[in-house]
Amino acid sequence: MRAVANQNMDAASQRPKLRIGLAFQIALGLAIGILIGFVLHHYPEARADIAADYLQPAGDLFIKVIKMIVVPIVFTSMVVGIAGVGDAKALGRIGFKTLLYFEVVTTIAIVIGLAFGNLFQPGAGTDISQLGKVDISKLQSAGESMSGHHGFMQLVLGIVPDNIFASMARGDLLPVIFFSVLFGLGLQSVSPELRQPVLATLRGVSDTMFKVTNMVMRYAPIGVAALIAVTVANFGFGSLLPLLKLVAVTYGAIVLFAVGVLGMTAGIFGFNIFTLLKVIKDELVIAFSTCSSATVLPQLMKKMEDYGAPKAITTFVVPTGYTFNLDGASIYLGIGALFVAQLYDIHLGLQEQILLTLTMVVTSKGAAGVPGFMFVILLATLASAGLPLEGLAFIAGIDRIMDMGRTALNVVGNALAPLIIAKWEGQYDEVKGRMYLASLEEARK
């Protein structure tokens, strides 16, 4: 009897345990959050207290813990990548190719946004009296100030920190990237006996922070559920109807850009955009529901490195893309500007739209990976173009719905970028990439 019992226990221990993947947990959290938000929307007397006291703090906690680890990961990973395996000449070449690629892709995104706005006319015939209005006075003052100070030289000045520790405390990635590059190049030039201990320490910190990221991501389903619940509870679905055309046009442009432009670009360099989407599906769900691309930066860097992009390229391209490669935001700028113009029956000719495109090329850079910041960028764009800022008060209430889609597209663009640059540089590891995809397929079985 004991022998039989032992055999049964051995057989039971050898059975594969049921494991629920992170993607399924996040999708479940998303569904639960939508359900909670839908219920709360119909009980306004309880909505404010529950959303403010419980749901919003639970969601903000997730974003805060992710932002807490972003700067240490970016700094240590970038320094290790540059000082450990790179050189100054190669870094300069990679930096030039990266910025050139970003500029071309985001300009195409702006043009597509304007094309969709002209073709489908999302603001034409909209009755302003049927639209809900949100107070944007605080954002308006910020947008007006940015329109006067968001030039090219101001962007350059913003890259150089006057106090790197203050920049790190604020989570400003551009100054952190600039300092990391200089630090990595400086570390590379010192003698090996001094360089190696520093590199070993930073590599240990980097690996540890990625382990911390794995721990933090266990909270992701709860954070996602809380944030999406607040969104649905506040806007409901009724307020979406008058602006459904604007939302549909925006998401149509996002899908076309992702599948068409990014898909074609990926194909030229030997990648499949749908394979990439499968690889980053967890990050897409998180970014979509939180409206913050910063929440997935550590995982995105790690996955693209596992996918075959060298560490030196991944650690430089992905964080830089969070400032210079905002494809979804660029599309939104074009559609949003034309929506406001059409709302007030203001005709923008070819010359005005060319000027608007040039303005957006500058204003779309430097946006933080936090919820709602692109709304301020759009305000600055409208102010510089002389369009009525009051028009955005009508779409502010549903801006988060469009923010979800454009944030997800930003993540797709910044996942593809290091693969493109690695292939362009001839440094992409085909064998490592195939092995990583094979391991993902094996894990799904």
Protein backbone atom coordinates (compact mmCIF):
# COMPACT_ATOMS: atom_id res chain seq x y z
CA MET A 1 0.00 0.00 0.00
CA ARG A 2 2.81 2.38 0.89
CA ALA A 3 4.51 1.65 -2.43
CA VAL A 4 1.31 2.45 -4.31
CA ALA A 5 0.83 5.62 -2.26
CA ASN A 6 4.40 6.70 -2.94
CA GLN A 7 3.94 6.06 -6.65
CA ASN A 8 0.77 8.15 -6.66
CA MET A 9 2.57 10.95 -4.82
CA ASP A 10 5.48 10.80 -7.29
CA ALA A 11 3.08 10.88 -10.21
CA ALA A 12 1.26 13.85 -8.72
CA SER A 13 4.49 15.71 -8.12
CA GLN A 14 5.52 15.15 -11.73
CA ARG A 15 2.30 16.59 -13.16
CA PRO A 16 2.79 20.08 -14.57
CA LYS A 17 1.52 22.71 -12.18
CA LEU A 18 -1.11 25.11 -13.45
CA ARG A 19 0.61 28.45 -13.95
CA ILE A 20 -1.26 31.61 -14.82
CA GLY A 21 0.96 33.87 -16.92
CA LEU A 22 1.41 37.58 -16.24
CA ALA A 23 -0.37 38.51 -19.48
CA PHE A 24 -3.49 36.61 -18.41
CA GLN A 25 -3.34 38.10 -14.90
CA ILE A 26 -3.10 41.63 -16.33
CA ALA A 27 -5.92 40.97 -18.82
CA LEU A 28 -8.04 39.64 -15.95
CA GLY A 29 -7.20 42.74 -13.89
CA LEU A 30 -8.15 44.91 -16.86
CA ALA A 31 -11.54 43.18 -17.19
CA ILE A 32 -12.24 43.40 -13.45
CA GLY A 33 -11.24 47.07 -13.41
CA ILE A 34 -13.59 47.89 -16.29
CA LEU A 35 -16.43 46.09 -14.50
CA ILE A 36 -15.76 47.94 -11.23
CA GLY A 37 -15.56 51.27 -13.05
CA PHE A 38 -18.80 50.59 -14.95
CA VAL A 39 -20.62 49.84 -11.69
CA LEU A 40 -19.19 52.89 -9.90
CA HIS A 41 -20.17 55.16 -12.77
CA HIS A 42 -23.81 54.39 -12.04
CA TYR A 43 -23.41 55.19 -8.33
CA PRO A 44 -21.95 58.72 -8.30
CA GLU A 45 -22.49 59.11 -4.54
CA ALA A 46 -20.00 56.30 -3.85
CA ARG A 47 -17.78 56.85 -6.89
CA ALA A 48 -15.86 59.88 -5.67
CA ASP A 49 -14.90 58.40 -2.30
CA ILE A 50 -13.99 54.94 -3.58
CA ALA A 51 -12.05 56.26 -6.56
CA ALA A 52 -10.15 58.90 -4.59
CA ASP A 53 -9.50 56.94 -1.39
CA TYR A 54 -8.83 53.45 -2.72
CA LEU A 55 -8.60 52.98 -6.48
CA GLN A 56 -6.48 55.98 -7.47
CA PRO A 57 -3.91 55.42 -4.69
CA ALA A 58 -3.69 51.72 -5.60
CA GLY A 59 -3.00 52.65 -9.22
CA ASP A 60 -0.60 55.46 -8.36
CA LEU A 61 1.37 53.05 -6.17
CA PHE A 62 2.12 50.86 -9.17
CA ILE A 63 3.32 53.79 -11.29
CA LYS A 64 5.44 55.13 -8.42
CA VAL A 65 7.24 51.88 -7.73
CA ILE A 66 8.02 51.49 -11.45
CA LYS A 67 9.29 55.07 -11.71
CA MET A 68 11.38 54.37 -8.59
CA ILE A 69 13.45 51.76 -10.45
CA VAL A 70 13.61 53.35 -13.92
CA VAL A 71 16.47 55.79 -13.26
CA PRO A 72 18.80 53.26 -11.53
CA ILE A 73 18.21 50.77 -14.36
CA VAL A 74 18.80 53.33 -17.12
CA PHE A 75 21.97 54.71 -15.51
CA THR A 76 23.63 51.41 -14.60
CA SER A 77 22.62 49.57 -17.78
CA MET A 78 23.76 52.39 -20.05
CA VAL A 79 27.12 52.84 -18.30
CA VAL A 80 27.77 49.07 -18.40
CA GLY A 81 26.79 48.93 -22.08
CA ILE A 82 29.02 51.85 -23.09
CA ALA A 83 32.07 51.23 -20.88
CA GLY A 84 31.90 47.46 -21.08
CA VAL A 85 31.51 46.74 -24.79
CA GLY A 86 31.34 50.01 -26.73
CA ASP A 87 33.66 52.77 -27.91
CA ALA A 88 33.26 56.50 -28.50
CA LYS A 89 33.27 56.31 -32.31
CA ALA A 90 30.72 53.46 -32.38
CA LEU A 91 28.52 55.28 -29.87
CA GLY A 92 28.56 58.43 -32.00
CA ARG A 93 27.55 56.42 -35.06
CA ILE A 94 24.78 54.62 -33.16
CA GLY A 95 23.55 57.92 -31.72
CA PHE A 96 23.38 59.56 -35.17
CA LYS A 97 21.52 56.60 -36.72
CA THR A 98 19.14 56.46 -33.76
CA LEU A 99 18.20 60.14 -33.88
CA LEU A 100 17.90 60.04 -37.69
CA TYR A 101 15.59 57.03 -37.50
CA PHE A 102 13.50 58.64 -34.76
CA GLU A 103 13.16 61.89 -36.68
CA VAL A 104 12.04 60.18 -39.89
CA VAL A 105 9.53 57.88 -38.17
CA THR A 106 7.94 60.56 -35.95
CA THR A 107 7.65 62.98 -38.90
CA ILE A 108 5.82 60.27 -40.86
CA ALA A 109 3.54 59.80 -37.81
CA ILE A 110 2.73 63.53 -37.75
CA VAL A 111 1.97 63.52 -41.49
CA ILE A 112 -0.29 60.47 -41.10
CA GLY A 113 -2.13 62.19 -38.25
CA LEU A 114 -2.70 65.27 -40.42
CA ALA A 115 -3.74 63.07 -43.37
CA PHE A 116 -6.34 61.24 -41.25
CA GLY A 117 -7.57 64.56 -39.87
CA ASN A 118 -8.01 65.99 -43.37
CA LEU A 119 -9.53 62.84 -44.80
CA PHE A 120 -12.05 61.98 -42.09
CA GLN A 121 -12.70 65.48 -40.67
CA PRO A 122 -13.31 64.37 -37.02
CA GLY A 123 -14.30 67.88 -35.88
CA ALA A 124 -16.46 68.87 -38.83
CA GLY A 125 -20.17 69.13 -38.08
CA THR A 126 -19.69 68.53 -34.34
CA ASP A 127 -22.18 70.44 -32.20
CA ILE A 128 -20.17 72.11 -29.44
CA SER A 129 -23.28 72.44 -27.29
CA GLN A 130 -23.50 68.63 -27.02
CA LEU A 131 -19.96 68.25 -25.75
CA GLY A 132 -18.97 68.09 -22.11
CA LYS A 133 -16.41 70.65 -21.00
CA VAL A 134 -13.49 70.19 -18.60
CA ASP A 135 -11.56 72.92 -16.82
CA ILE A 136 -8.10 73.09 -18.44
CA SER A 137 -6.93 76.40 -16.97
CA LYS A 138 -3.90 74.86 -15.28
CA LEU A 139 -2.91 72.92 -18.39
CA GLN A 140 -3.60 75.97 -20.53
CA SER A 141 -1.07 78.13 -18.69
CA ALA A 142 1.49 75.32 -18.95
CA GLY A 143 0.84 74.94 -22.66
CA GLU A 144 1.16 78.66 -23.32
CA SER A 145 4.46 78.81 -21.43
CA MET A 146 5.79 75.82 -23.37
CA SER A 147 4.84 77.38 -26.70
CA GLY A 148 7.15 80.25 -25.99
CA HIS A 149 10.06 78.26 -24.60
CA HIS A 150 9.99 74.90 -26.37
CA GLY A 151 12.45 75.64 -29.18
CA PHE A 152 15.34 73.57 -30.44
CA MET A 153 17.97 75.29 -28.29
CA GLN A 154 15.76 74.91 -25.22
CA LEU A 155 15.60 71.19 -25.96
CA VAL A 156 19.41 71.08 -26.18
CA LEU A 157 19.76 73.00 -22.90
CA GLY A 158 17.31 70.61 -21.26
CA ILE A 159 19.56 67.67 -22.11
CA VAL A 160 22.46 68.97 -20.02
CA PRO A 161 21.78 68.76 -16.25
CA ASP A 162 23.04 71.42 -13.88
CA ASN A 163 22.59 68.92 -11.05
CA ILE A 164 22.48 65.26 -12.04
CA PHE A 165 21.12 64.16 -8.67
CA ALA A 166 18.23 66.63 -8.98
CA SER A 167 17.50 65.30 -12.48
CA MET A 168 17.55 61.74 -11.15
CA ALA A 169 15.20 62.72 -8.33
CA ARG A 170 12.76 64.24 -10.84
CA GLY A 171 13.04 61.23 -13.14
CA ASP A 172 14.19 63.35 -16.13
CA LEU A 173 15.53 60.72 -18.51
CA LEU A 174 17.27 62.99 -21.02
CA PRO A 175 19.75 64.49 -18.54
CA VAL A 176 20.28 61.04 -17.01
CA ILE A 177 21.05 59.60 -20.46
CA PHE A 178 23.46 62.44 -21.22
CA PHE A 179 25.32 61.98 -17.93
CA SER A 180 25.34 58.18 -18.33
CA VAL A 181 26.97 58.47 -21.78
CA LEU A 182 29.67 60.82 -20.47
CA PHE A 183 30.24 58.66 -17.40
CA GLY A 184 30.47 55.51 -19.52
CA LEU A 185 32.97 57.09 -21.92
CA GLY A 186 35.01 58.44 -19.01
CA LEU A 187 35.00 55.06 -17.28
CA GLN A 188 36.08 53.41 -20.51
CA SER A 189 39.19 55.60 -20.68
CA VAL A 190 40.56 54.79 -17.21
CA SER A 191 42.94 51.91 -16.51
CA PRO A 192 41.45 48.37 -16.35
CA GLU A 193 42.30 47.92 -12.66
CA LEU A 194 40.14 50.95 -11.86
CA ARG A 195 37.44 50.31 -14.47
CA GLN A 196 36.65 46.65 -13.76
CA PRO A 197 35.57 47.03 -10.08
CA VAL A 198 33.24 49.91 -11.00
CA LEU A 199 31.82 47.94 -13.92
CA ALA A 200 31.30 44.86 -11.74
CA THR A 201 29.47 46.95 -9.14
CA LEU A 202 27.24 48.67 -11.70
CA ARG A 203 26.53 45.37 -13.44
CA GLY A 204 25.50 43.91 -10.10
CA VAL A 205 23.23 46.88 -9.39
CA SER A 206 21.70 46.60 -12.88
CA ASP A 207 20.99 42.87 -12.54
CA THR A 208 19.57 43.42 -9.06
CA MET A 209 17.23 46.17 -10.30
CA PHE A 210 15.88 43.84 -12.98
CA LYS A 211 15.13 41.31 -10.23
CA VAL A 212 13.35 44.08 -8.34
CA THR A 213 11.35 44.77 -11.51
CA ASN A 214 10.18 41.16 -11.56
CA MET A 215 8.99 41.52 -7.97
CA VAL A 216 7.22 44.79 -8.70
CA MET A 217 5.43 43.33 -11.72
CA ARG A 218 3.56 40.91 -9.46
CA TYR A 219 1.55 43.93 -8.37
CA ALA A 220 0.81 44.93 -11.99
CA PRO A 221 -2.64 43.26 -12.27
CA ILE A 222 -3.88 45.16 -9.19
CA GLY A 223 -2.42 48.47 -10.38
CA VAL A 224 -3.89 47.99 -13.85
CA ALA A 225 -7.32 47.12 -12.44
CA ALA A 226 -7.33 50.19 -10.19
CA LEU A 227 -6.27 52.65 -12.91
CA ILE A 228 -8.70 51.42 -15.54
CA ALA A 229 -11.50 51.37 -12.95
CA VAL A 230 -10.92 55.06 -12.20
CA THR A 231 -10.95 55.89 -15.91
CA VAL A 232 -14.21 54.06 -16.64
CA ALA A 233 -15.84 55.33 -13.43
CA ASN A 234 -15.08 58.95 -14.29
CA PHE A 235 -15.92 59.13 -18.00
CA GLY A 236 -18.40 56.29 -18.43
CA PHE A 237 -19.40 55.44 -21.97
CA GLY A 238 -22.09 58.03 -22.54
CA SER A 239 -19.63 60.93 -22.74
CA LEU A 240 -17.75 59.06 -25.44
CA LEU A 241 -20.58 59.04 -27.96
CA PRO A 242 -20.41 62.68 -29.18
CA LEU A 243 -16.67 62.28 -29.79
CA LEU A 244 -16.77 58.71 -31.05
CA LYS A 245 -15.63 59.83 -34.51
CA LEU A 246 -12.52 61.48 -33.05
CA VAL A 247 -11.67 58.35 -31.06
CA ALA A 248 -12.27 56.10 -34.09
CA VAL A 249 -10.10 58.27 -36.36
CA THR A 250 -7.30 58.33 -33.77
CA TYR A 251 -7.29 54.57 -33.25
CA GLY A 252 -7.58 53.97 -36.99
CA ALA A 253 -4.44 56.04 -37.57
CA ILE A 254 -2.66 54.23 -34.72
CA VAL A 255 -3.46 50.78 -36.14
CA LEU A 256 -2.49 51.82 -39.68
CA PHE A 257 0.82 53.22 -38.47
CA ALA A 258 1.62 50.16 -36.34
CA VAL A 259 0.77 47.59 -39.02
CA GLY A 260 1.66 49.66 -42.09
CA VAL A 261 4.61 51.93 -41.32
CA LEU A 262 6.22 50.00 -38.46
CA GLY A 263 5.29 46.68 -40.05
CA MET A 264 6.89 47.67 -43.35
CA THR A 265 9.96 49.02 -41.56
CA ALA A 266 10.29 45.81 -39.57
CA GLY A 267 9.93 43.74 -42.75
CA ILE A 268 12.68 45.68 -44.53
CA PHE A 269 15.08 44.79 -41.71
CA GLY A 270 13.97 41.15 -41.51
CA PHE A 271 11.54 41.30 -38.57
CA ASN A 272 7.83 40.51 -38.27
CA ILE A 273 5.77 43.15 -36.51
CA PHE A 274 3.22 40.58 -35.30
CA THR A 275 5.97 38.46 -33.77
CA LEU A 276 7.22 41.56 -31.96
CA LEU A 277 3.70 42.27 -30.68
CA LYS A 278 3.54 38.76 -29.23
CA VAL A 279 6.89 39.27 -27.52
CA ILE A 280 5.79 42.52 -25.81
CA LYS A 281 2.13 41.68 -25.23
CA ASP A 282 2.45 42.03 -21.44
CA GLU A 283 4.05 45.45 -21.78
CA LEU A 284 1.39 46.59 -24.25
CA VAL A 285 -1.45 45.72 -21.88
CA ILE A 286 0.27 47.52 -18.99
CA ALA A 287 1.08 50.61 -21.04
CA PHE A 288 -2.43 50.68 -22.54
CA SER A 289 -4.19 50.53 -19.18
CA THR A 290 -1.84 52.82 -17.22
CA CYS A 291 -1.24 55.38 -20.02
CA SER A 292 2.40 55.46 -18.93
CA SER A 293 5.19 54.05 -21.07
CA ALA A 294 7.61 54.47 -18.16
CA THR A 295 5.93 51.52 -16.43
CA VAL A 296 7.36 49.11 -19.01
CA LEU A 297 10.79 50.60 -19.75
CA PRO A 298 12.83 48.09 -17.68
CA GLN A 299 11.03 45.05 -19.11
CA LEU A 300 11.25 46.44 -22.66
CA MET A 301 15.03 46.88 -22.40
CA LYS A 302 15.46 43.36 -21.03
CA LYS A 303 13.23 41.72 -23.67
CA MET A 304 14.89 43.47 -26.61
CA GLU A 305 18.29 42.39 -25.29
CA ASP A 306 17.01 38.81 -24.97
CA TYR A 307 15.60 39.13 -28.51
CA GLY A 308 19.09 39.68 -29.93
CA ALA A 309 19.84 43.42 -29.70
CA PRO A 310 23.20 44.13 -27.99
CA LYS A 311 23.11 45.65 -24.51
CA ALA A 312 25.07 48.71 -25.65
CA ILE A 313 22.39 49.49 -28.27
CA THR A 314 19.32 48.54 -26.22
CA THR A 315 20.33 50.57 -23.18
CA PHE A 316 20.89 53.65 -25.33
CA VAL A 317 18.09 53.44 -27.90
CA VAL A 318 15.12 52.51 -25.68
CA PRO A 319 15.49 55.28 -23.03
CA THR A 320 16.30 57.85 -25.74
CA GLY A 321 13.19 56.78 -27.63
CA TYR A 322 11.06 57.72 -24.64
CA THR A 323 11.85 61.34 -25.50
CA PHE A 324 12.49 61.35 -29.26
CA ASN A 325 10.39 58.48 -30.60
CA LEU A 326 6.79 59.08 -29.53
CA ASP A 327 4.91 57.75 -32.56
CA GLY A 328 1.48 57.64 -30.95
CA ALA A 329 1.88 61.14 -29.53
CA SER A 330 2.97 62.47 -32.93
CA ILE A 331 -0.14 61.04 -34.61
CA TYR A 332 -2.31 62.54 -31.87
CA LEU A 333 -0.80 66.00 -32.39
CA GLY A 334 -1.83 66.07 -36.04
CA ILE A 335 -5.37 64.77 -35.49
CA GLY A 336 -5.94 66.86 -32.35
CA ALA A 337 -4.82 70.12 -33.96
CA LEU A 338 -7.07 69.60 -36.99
CA PHE A 339 -9.98 68.55 -34.75
CA VAL A 340 -9.84 71.87 -32.90
CA ALA A 341 -9.53 73.82 -36.17
CA GLN A 342 -12.53 71.99 -37.65
CA LEU A 343 -14.50 72.40 -34.43
CA TYR A 344 -14.29 76.19 -34.82
CA ASP A 345 -14.58 76.04 -38.64
CA ILE A 346 -11.03 77.34 -39.14
CA HIS A 347 -9.56 76.34 -42.49
CA LEU A 348 -5.89 75.40 -42.49
CA GLY A 349 -4.35 75.43 -45.96
CA LEU A 350 -1.32 73.52 -47.18
CA GLN A 351 1.09 76.25 -46.13
CA GLU A 352 -0.37 76.42 -42.62
CA GLN A 353 -0.24 72.65 -42.24
CA ILE A 354 3.39 72.47 -43.39
CA LEU A 355 4.23 75.09 -40.77
CA LEU A 356 2.20 73.12 -38.23
CA THR A 357 4.16 69.97 -39.09
CA LEU A 358 7.48 71.74 -38.54
CA THR A 359 6.20 73.04 -35.20
CA MET A 360 5.10 69.58 -34.13
CA VAL A 361 8.49 68.08 -35.04
CA VAL A 362 9.95 70.24 -32.25
CA THR A 363 7.11 70.21 -29.72
CA SER A 364 6.71 66.42 -29.88
CA LYS A 365 10.21 65.96 -28.46
CA GLY A 366 10.86 66.00 -24.74
CA ALA A 367 7.50 64.65 -23.60
CA ALA A 368 7.64 62.72 -20.35
CA GLY A 369 6.34 59.14 -20.23
CA VAL A 370 3.61 60.03 -17.76
CA PRO A 371 -0.19 60.14 -18.15
CA GLY A 372 -1.61 63.29 -19.76
CA PHE A 373 1.65 65.06 -20.57
CA MET A 374 0.97 64.98 -24.33
CA PHE A 375 -2.18 66.97 -23.69
CA VAL A 376 0.07 69.81 -22.51
CA ILE A 377 2.24 69.35 -25.63
CA LEU A 378 -0.88 69.68 -27.82
CA LEU A 379 -1.84 72.84 -25.96
CA ALA A 380 1.61 74.26 -26.68
CA THR A 381 1.24 73.31 -30.36
CA LEU A 382 -2.15 74.99 -30.63
CA ALA A 383 -0.84 78.10 -28.91
CA SER A 384 2.08 78.38 -31.33
CA ALA A 385 -0.29 77.92 -34.30
CA GLY A 386 -2.78 80.51 -33.05
CA LEU A 387 -5.63 78.01 -32.72
CA PRO A 388 -8.18 78.41 -29.88
CA LEU A 389 -6.97 76.51 -26.81
CA GLU A 390 -10.52 76.36 -25.47
CA GLY A 391 -11.28 73.64 -28.01
CA LEU A 392 -9.28 71.11 -26.03
CA ALA A 393 -11.60 71.59 -23.06
CA PHE A 394 -14.17 69.60 -25.01
CA ILE A 395 -11.95 66.54 -25.46
CA ALA A 396 -10.07 66.68 -22.15
CA GLY A 397 -12.62 64.39 -20.54
CA ILE A 398 -11.90 61.54 -22.97
CA ASP A 399 -8.24 62.33 -23.58
CA ARG A 400 -7.24 59.34 -21.44
CA ILE A 401 -9.10 57.01 -23.81
CA MET A 402 -6.94 58.19 -26.70
CA ASP A 403 -3.88 58.33 -24.43
CA MET A 404 -4.19 54.57 -23.91
CA GLY A 405 -3.83 53.87 -27.62
CA ARG A 406 -1.04 56.33 -28.32
CA THR A 407 0.96 55.11 -25.30
CA ALA A 408 0.72 51.53 -26.55
CA LEU A 409 1.95 52.66 -29.99
CA ASN A 410 4.86 54.50 -28.35
CA VAL A 411 5.86 51.21 -26.72
CA VAL A 412 5.69 49.31 -30.03
CA GLY A 413 7.87 51.94 -31.72
CA ASN A 414 10.44 51.89 -28.94
CA ALA A 415 10.55 48.09 -28.94
CA LEU A 416 11.22 47.95 -32.67
CA ALA A 417 13.84 50.74 -32.65
CA PRO A 418 16.75 48.86 -30.96
CA LEU A 419 16.20 45.88 -33.28
CA ILE A 420 16.36 48.18 -36.33
CA ILE A 421 19.50 49.97 -35.11
CA ALA A 422 21.15 46.65 -34.19
CA LYS A 423 20.44 45.28 -37.69
CA TRP A 424 21.60 48.56 -39.27
CA GLU A 425 24.85 48.30 -37.32
CA GLY A 426 25.30 44.63 -38.22
CA GLN A 427 25.26 43.69 -34.53
CA TYR A 428 21.95 41.84 -34.28
CA ASP A 429 22.36 38.31 -32.87
CA GLU A 430 20.16 36.14 -35.10
CA VAL A 431 20.87 32.95 -33.14
CA LYS A 432 20.01 34.56 -29.80
CA GLY A 433 16.82 35.99 -31.29
CA ARG A 434 15.66 32.63 -32.64
CA MET A 435 16.46 30.90 -29.35
CA TYR A 436 14.47 33.52 -27.44
CA LEU A 437 11.43 33.09 -29.70
CA ALA A 438 11.73 29.32 -29.35
CA SER A 439 11.80 29.62 -25.55
CA LEU A 440 8.62 31.75 -25.66
CA GLU A 441 6.87 29.13 -27.81
CA GLU A 442 7.97 26.40 -25.42
CA ALA A 443 6.68 28.37 -22.43
CA ARG A 444 3.25 28.72 -24.08
CA LYS A 445 2.85 24.94 -24.47
